[in-house]
Amino acid sequence: MSDVSCPWCAVGYHELKHAMSEFASEANSSVDVEISWLPFEINPDMSKEGQDVASTP
C-alpha cells in the first residue's frame, strides 16, 4: 500500500528494492518479484482544505 503524499512510502520502497537486490546477490540468482501498488489514504477524514500544521501543537 502507498500514500502518494507519504515520504515514508518512498523510503520503504527504496529499502525493499535494496533488500531484493541483496537477496538475489546472496542467492546468486535473479529474483522475480511482482509488486502490486494499492492506494491508501493515511487520513481519509481530512478536509479538502487540508490541515493547518503551523497552528497544530
Foldseek 3Di string as FASTA:
>chain_A
DDEPVDVVRVVVVVVVVVVQVVVCVVVVHHDDDDDDDDYDDPDPPADPVGDDPVPDD
